[in-house]
Amino acid sequence: MVLPEKVNLRVAVNGAAMFEYLTIGRMNGHTLRVLQVENRTLDFHTHETSDELFYVMEGAFSIEFEEGAVSLNAGDMLIIPKGIRHRPVVTECVKCLLIELDGTLDAGNTGGGIVT
């Protein structure tokens, strides 16, 4: 048996380029990515086939919905159900963990970020 490899989220996110959605693992058809981003507001979008999880490692930002916004700070987690229109609004440097079904992120919903 080969032992699984651990991942240090802080090391991984600090090694990611700004606006790079860096894949750090896969689990049961889901992709886990870390992201370092600042001063970016994405267009409103939906993920029709997947919920999306944001876990804030450092910094603070908000996610806007048609009905209002949710503010997230370091240590907060938010799951956005599939089919819900939303957009992240980031005004400072934020480091996050994102989890969604494989293939959910694309050029239309990453704000021009690099998906690796």
N, C-alpha and C. Protein backbone atom coordinates (compact mmCIF):
# COMPACT_ATOMS: atom_id res chain seq x y z
N MET A 1 0.84 -1.19 0.00
CA MET A 1 0.00 0.00 0.00
C MET A 1 0.88 1.25 0.00
N VAL A 2 0.53 2.20 -0.81
CA VAL A 2 1.22 3.48 -0.84
C VAL A 2 0.45 4.44 0.06
N LEU A 3 1.17 5.08 0.96
CA LEU A 3 0.52 6.01 1.88
C LEU A 3 0.06 7.26 1.12
N PRO A 4 -1.11 7.80 1.47
CA PRO A 4 -1.55 9.05 0.85
C PRO A 4 -0.63 10.20 1.24
N GLU A 5 -0.52 11.18 0.37
CA GLU A 5 0.33 12.34 0.65
C GLU A 5 -0.49 13.45 1.29
N LYS A 6 0.08 14.06 2.31
CA LYS A 6 -0.61 15.18 2.95
C LYS A 6 -0.35 16.45 2.13
N VAL A 7 -1.24 17.42 2.29
CA VAL A 7 -1.11 18.72 1.64
C VAL A 7 -1.24 19.77 2.72
N ASN A 8 -0.30 20.69 2.78
CA ASN A 8 -0.40 21.83 3.69
C ASN A 8 -1.06 22.96 2.90
N LEU A 9 -2.28 23.32 3.29
CA LEU A 9 -3.03 24.32 2.55
C LEU A 9 -2.33 25.67 2.50
N ARG A 10 -1.70 26.07 3.60
CA ARG A 10 -1.00 27.37 3.61
C ARG A 10 0.17 27.38 2.64
N VAL A 11 0.95 26.31 2.63
CA VAL A 11 2.07 26.23 1.69
C VAL A 11 1.56 26.24 0.26
N ALA A 12 0.50 25.46 0.00
CA ALA A 12 -0.05 25.39 -1.35
C ALA A 12 -0.56 26.73 -1.83
N VAL A 13 -1.37 27.41 -1.02
CA VAL A 13 -1.94 28.68 -1.47
C VAL A 13 -0.87 29.76 -1.60
N ASN A 14 0.13 29.74 -0.74
CA ASN A 14 1.21 30.73 -0.86
C ASN A 14 2.09 30.46 -2.08
N GLY A 15 2.07 29.22 -2.58
CA GLY A 15 2.83 28.88 -3.78
C GLY A 15 2.06 29.13 -5.07
N ALA A 16 0.78 29.42 -4.95
CA ALA A 16 -0.04 29.68 -6.13
C ALA A 16 0.20 31.10 -6.62
N ALA A 17 0.21 31.27 -7.92
CA ALA A 17 0.29 32.62 -8.50
C ALA A 17 -1.02 33.34 -8.22
N MET A 18 -0.98 34.66 -8.21
CA MET A 18 -2.20 35.44 -8.04
C MET A 18 -3.18 35.08 -9.15
N PHE A 19 -4.44 34.83 -8.80
CA PHE A 19 -5.53 34.48 -9.71
C PHE A 19 -5.37 33.09 -10.32
N GLU A 20 -4.55 32.23 -9.72
CA GLU A 20 -4.40 30.86 -10.20
C GLU A 20 -5.26 29.93 -9.34
N TYR A 21 -6.16 29.20 -9.96
CA TYR A 21 -6.96 28.18 -9.28
C TYR A 21 -6.13 26.91 -9.29
N LEU A 22 -5.36 26.68 -8.24
CA LEU A 22 -4.39 25.60 -8.19
C LEU A 22 -5.02 24.33 -7.61
N THR A 23 -5.08 23.28 -8.43
CA THR A 23 -5.64 22.01 -7.98
C THR A 23 -4.68 21.36 -6.99
N ILE A 24 -5.23 21.01 -5.81
CA ILE A 24 -4.40 20.36 -4.78
C ILE A 24 -4.86 18.94 -4.49
N GLY A 25 -6.01 18.55 -5.06
CA GLY A 25 -6.48 17.19 -4.85
C GLY A 25 -7.81 16.93 -5.51
N ARG A 26 -8.13 15.66 -5.58
CA ARG A 26 -9.43 15.23 -6.11
C ARG A 26 -9.99 14.18 -5.15
N MET A 27 -11.33 14.20 -4.99
CA MET A 27 -11.97 13.27 -4.08
C MET A 27 -13.39 13.00 -4.55
N ASN A 28 -13.69 11.74 -4.85
CA ASN A 28 -15.05 11.34 -5.20
C ASN A 28 -15.69 12.23 -6.26
N GLY A 29 -14.95 12.53 -7.31
CA GLY A 29 -15.49 13.35 -8.40
C GLY A 29 -15.48 14.84 -8.14
N HIS A 30 -14.85 15.26 -7.06
CA HIS A 30 -14.73 16.67 -6.72
C HIS A 30 -13.28 17.14 -6.86
N THR A 31 -13.12 18.40 -7.22
CA THR A 31 -11.80 19.01 -7.30
C THR A 31 -11.64 19.98 -6.13
N LEU A 32 -10.48 19.90 -5.47
CA LEU A 32 -10.13 20.83 -4.40
C LEU A 32 -9.05 21.76 -4.94
N ARG A 33 -9.30 23.06 -4.83
CA ARG A 33 -8.34 24.04 -5.34
C ARG A 33 -8.11 25.11 -4.28
N VAL A 34 -6.91 25.67 -4.30
CA VAL A 34 -6.63 26.87 -3.51
C VAL A 34 -6.49 28.04 -4.48
N LEU A 35 -6.78 29.21 -3.97
CA LEU A 35 -6.79 30.41 -4.80
C LEU A 35 -6.32 31.59 -3.98
N GLN A 36 -5.50 32.42 -4.58
CA GLN A 36 -5.04 33.68 -4.00
C GLN A 36 -5.51 34.78 -4.96
N VAL A 37 -6.32 35.70 -4.47
CA VAL A 37 -6.91 36.71 -5.35
C VAL A 37 -7.05 38.04 -4.62
N GLU A 38 -6.99 39.13 -5.37
CA GLU A 38 -7.25 40.45 -4.79
C GLU A 38 -7.87 41.36 -5.83
N ASN A 39 -8.64 42.33 -5.35
CA ASN A 39 -9.24 43.36 -6.21
C ASN A 39 -9.89 42.78 -7.46
N ARG A 40 -10.85 41.88 -7.26
CA ARG A 40 -11.50 41.22 -8.39
C ARG A 40 -12.98 41.03 -8.07
N THR A 41 -13.83 41.40 -9.00
CA THR A 41 -15.26 41.13 -8.90
C THR A 41 -15.65 40.32 -10.12
N LEU A 42 -16.17 39.14 -9.90
CA LEU A 42 -16.59 38.30 -11.02
C LEU A 42 -17.99 38.68 -11.48
N ASP A 43 -18.33 38.30 -12.70
CA ASP A 43 -19.69 38.48 -13.19
C ASP A 43 -20.60 37.50 -12.46
N PHE A 44 -21.89 37.84 -12.38
CA PHE A 44 -22.85 36.90 -11.82
C PHE A 44 -22.86 35.66 -12.70
N HIS A 45 -22.92 34.50 -12.06
CA HIS A 45 -22.94 33.24 -12.79
C HIS A 45 -23.58 32.16 -11.92
N THR A 46 -23.88 31.03 -12.53
CA THR A 46 -24.41 29.88 -11.81
C THR A 46 -23.60 28.65 -12.19
N HIS A 47 -23.64 27.68 -11.32
CA HIS A 47 -23.10 26.35 -11.62
C HIS A 47 -24.32 25.44 -11.61
N GLU A 48 -24.72 25.00 -12.79
CA GLU A 48 -25.97 24.26 -12.94
C GLU A 48 -25.93 22.84 -12.36
N THR A 49 -24.73 22.25 -12.31
CA THR A 49 -24.67 20.84 -11.90
C THR A 49 -23.91 20.60 -10.60
N SER A 50 -23.42 21.66 -9.96
CA SER A 50 -22.59 21.46 -8.77
C SER A 50 -22.78 22.55 -7.73
N ASP A 51 -22.86 22.12 -6.48
CA ASP A 51 -22.71 23.08 -5.38
C ASP A 51 -21.26 23.53 -5.39
N GLU A 52 -20.97 24.64 -4.72
CA GLU A 52 -19.61 25.16 -4.65
C GLU A 52 -19.32 25.55 -3.21
N LEU A 53 -18.19 25.10 -2.68
CA LEU A 53 -17.80 25.41 -1.31
C LEU A 53 -16.63 26.38 -1.32
N PHE A 54 -16.74 27.45 -0.54
CA PHE A 54 -15.65 28.39 -0.29
C PHE A 54 -15.26 28.29 1.18
N TYR A 55 -13.98 28.11 1.45
CA TYR A 55 -13.45 28.18 2.81
C TYR A 55 -12.38 29.26 2.80
N VAL A 56 -12.55 30.31 3.62
CA VAL A 56 -11.62 31.44 3.64
C VAL A 56 -10.48 31.14 4.60
N MET A 57 -9.27 31.06 4.05
CA MET A 57 -8.08 30.80 4.85
C MET A 57 -7.50 32.09 5.42
N GLU A 58 -7.46 33.13 4.60
CA GLU A 58 -6.95 34.45 5.02
C GLU A 58 -7.74 35.52 4.30
N GLY A 59 -7.91 36.67 4.97
CA GLY A 59 -8.58 37.80 4.36
C GLY A 59 -10.08 37.76 4.54
N ALA A 60 -10.77 38.61 3.77
CA ALA A 60 -12.22 38.72 3.85
C ALA A 60 -12.75 39.17 2.49
N PHE A 61 -13.93 38.70 2.15
CA PHE A 61 -14.60 39.13 0.93
C PHE A 61 -16.08 38.84 1.06
N SER A 62 -16.84 39.21 0.06
CA SER A 62 -18.27 38.91 0.11
C SER A 62 -18.68 38.19 -1.16
N ILE A 63 -19.77 37.48 -1.04
CA ILE A 63 -20.39 36.84 -2.20
C ILE A 63 -21.78 37.44 -2.33
N GLU A 64 -22.00 38.06 -3.49
CA GLU A 64 -23.28 38.70 -3.75
C GLU A 64 -24.23 37.71 -4.42
N PHE A 65 -25.49 37.82 -4.03
CA PHE A 65 -26.57 37.06 -4.61
C PHE A 65 -27.62 38.07 -5.07
N GLU A 66 -28.59 37.64 -5.83
CA GLU A 66 -29.64 38.56 -6.26
C GLU A 66 -30.41 39.11 -5.08
N GLU A 67 -30.46 38.37 -3.97
CA GLU A 67 -31.22 38.78 -2.79
C GLU A 67 -30.39 39.53 -1.75
N GLY A 68 -29.07 39.66 -1.95
CA GLY A 68 -28.21 40.31 -0.97
C GLY A 68 -26.81 39.73 -1.02
N ALA A 69 -26.04 39.96 0.04
CA ALA A 69 -24.65 39.51 0.07
C ALA A 69 -24.34 38.82 1.40
N VAL A 70 -23.35 37.93 1.36
CA VAL A 70 -22.85 37.26 2.56
C VAL A 70 -21.38 37.63 2.69
N SER A 71 -21.01 38.19 3.84
CA SER A 71 -19.61 38.54 4.11
C SER A 71 -18.90 37.34 4.71
N LEU A 72 -17.70 37.06 4.21
CA LEU A 72 -16.90 35.94 4.69
C LEU A 72 -15.57 36.44 5.21
N ASN A 73 -15.15 35.90 6.35
CA ASN A 73 -13.87 36.24 6.97
C ASN A 73 -13.05 34.97 7.16
N ALA A 74 -11.77 35.13 7.50
CA ALA A 74 -10.89 33.98 7.72
C ALA A 74 -11.57 33.00 8.68
N GLY A 75 -11.60 31.73 8.28
CA GLY A 75 -12.22 30.68 9.07
C GLY A 75 -13.65 30.39 8.68
N ASP A 76 -14.27 31.27 7.87
CA ASP A 76 -15.66 31.05 7.44
C ASP A 76 -15.71 30.12 6.24
N MET A 77 -16.83 29.41 6.14
CA MET A 77 -17.09 28.52 5.02
C MET A 77 -18.51 28.79 4.54
N LEU A 78 -18.70 28.73 3.22
CA LEU A 78 -20.02 28.92 2.64
C LEU A 78 -20.20 27.92 1.51
N ILE A 79 -21.35 27.25 1.50
CA ILE A 79 -21.69 26.36 0.40
C ILE A 79 -22.79 27.04 -0.41
N ILE A 80 -22.52 27.22 -1.70
CA ILE A 80 -23.50 27.82 -2.60
C ILE A 80 -24.17 26.68 -3.37
N PRO A 81 -25.48 26.52 -3.20
CA PRO A 81 -26.17 25.44 -3.90
C PRO A 81 -26.15 25.62 -5.41
N LYS A 82 -26.13 24.53 -6.14
CA LYS A 82 -26.15 24.60 -7.59
C LYS A 82 -27.38 25.38 -8.06
N GLY A 83 -27.19 26.10 -9.17
CA GLY A 83 -28.27 26.86 -9.77
C GLY A 83 -28.51 28.23 -9.17
N ILE A 84 -27.75 28.62 -8.13
CA ILE A 84 -27.93 29.93 -7.49
C ILE A 84 -26.97 30.94 -8.12
N ARG A 85 -27.54 32.05 -8.64
CA ARG A 85 -26.69 33.11 -9.23
C ARG A 85 -25.91 33.80 -8.12
N HIS A 86 -24.61 33.98 -8.36
CA HIS A 86 -23.75 34.58 -7.35
C HIS A 86 -22.52 35.19 -8.03
N ARG A 87 -21.82 36.02 -7.26
CA ARG A 87 -20.53 36.53 -7.72
C ARG A 87 -19.69 36.93 -6.52
N PRO A 88 -18.44 36.48 -6.48
CA PRO A 88 -17.51 36.92 -5.45
C PRO A 88 -17.08 38.37 -5.71
N VAL A 89 -16.96 39.13 -4.62
CA VAL A 89 -16.48 40.50 -4.68
C VAL A 89 -15.31 40.61 -3.70
N VAL A 90 -14.11 40.79 -4.24
CA VAL A 90 -12.88 40.79 -3.44
C VAL A 90 -12.21 42.14 -3.55
N THR A 91 -11.94 42.79 -2.40
CA THR A 91 -11.29 44.10 -2.42
C THR A 91 -9.92 44.09 -1.75
N GLU A 92 -9.53 42.96 -1.16
CA GLU A 92 -8.22 42.83 -0.53
C GLU A 92 -7.67 41.45 -0.88
N CYS A 93 -6.46 41.16 -0.48
CA CYS A 93 -5.90 39.84 -0.77
C CYS A 93 -6.62 38.78 0.07
N VAL A 94 -7.13 37.75 -0.62
CA VAL A 94 -7.87 36.68 0.01
C VAL A 94 -7.26 35.35 -0.44
N LYS A 95 -7.18 34.41 0.48
CA LYS A 95 -6.71 33.06 0.19
C LYS A 95 -7.81 32.09 0.58
N CYS A 96 -8.23 31.25 -0.38
CA CYS A 96 -9.39 30.37 -0.19
C CYS A 96 -9.10 28.94 -0.63
N LEU A 97 -9.91 28.05 -0.10
CA LEU A 97 -10.03 26.69 -0.59
C LEU A 97 -11.39 26.60 -1.26
N LEU A 98 -11.43 26.05 -2.48
CA LEU A 98 -12.67 25.86 -3.22
C LEU A 98 -12.86 24.36 -3.47
N ILE A 99 -14.09 23.90 -3.33
CA ILE A 99 -14.41 22.50 -3.63
C ILE A 99 -15.66 22.49 -4.49
N GLU A 100 -15.58 21.79 -5.65
CA GLU A 100 -16.73 21.64 -6.53
C GLU A 100 -16.54 20.39 -7.37
N LEU A 101 -17.58 19.97 -8.07
CA LEU A 101 -17.48 18.82 -8.96
C LEU A 101 -16.43 19.06 -10.03
N ASP A 102 -15.73 18.00 -10.42
CA ASP A 102 -14.76 18.11 -11.51
C ASP A 102 -15.44 18.75 -12.71
N GLY A 103 -14.75 19.69 -13.36
CA GLY A 103 -15.25 20.33 -14.57
C GLY A 103 -16.15 21.52 -14.35
N THR A 104 -16.38 21.91 -13.09
CA THR A 104 -17.28 23.03 -12.82
C THR A 104 -16.68 24.37 -13.25
N LEU A 105 -15.40 24.59 -12.94
CA LEU A 105 -14.78 25.86 -13.29
C LEU A 105 -14.41 25.90 -14.76
N ASP A 106 -14.66 27.06 -15.37
CA ASP A 106 -14.28 27.27 -16.76
C ASP A 106 -13.99 28.76 -16.98
N ALA A 107 -13.60 29.13 -18.18
CA ALA A 107 -13.23 30.52 -18.47
C ALA A 107 -14.37 31.48 -18.21
N GLY A 108 -15.61 31.01 -18.27
CA GLY A 108 -16.75 31.88 -18.07
C GLY A 108 -17.08 32.19 -16.63
N ASN A 109 -16.49 31.46 -15.67
CA ASN A 109 -16.82 31.72 -14.27
C ASN A 109 -15.62 31.86 -13.34
N THR A 110 -14.44 32.11 -13.93
CA THR A 110 -13.25 32.30 -13.10
C THR A 110 -12.71 33.73 -13.16
N GLY A 111 -13.38 34.60 -13.92
CA GLY A 111 -12.92 35.98 -14.02
C GLY A 111 -11.58 36.10 -14.68
N GLY A 112 -11.24 35.17 -15.56
CA GLY A 112 -9.95 35.22 -16.24
C GLY A 112 -8.84 34.56 -15.48
N GLY A 113 -9.15 33.92 -14.35
CA GLY A 113 -8.13 33.22 -13.59
C GLY A 113 -7.61 32.00 -14.33
N ILE A 114 -6.46 31.55 -13.94
CA ILE A 114 -5.82 30.39 -14.54
C ILE A 114 -6.23 29.15 -13.76
N VAL A 115 -6.80 28.15 -14.44
CA VAL A 115 -7.21 26.92 -13.78
C VAL A 115 -6.16 25.86 -14.07
N THR A 116 -5.50 25.39 -12.99
CA THR A 116 -4.48 24.34 -13.15
C THR A 116 -4.82 23.13 -12.31
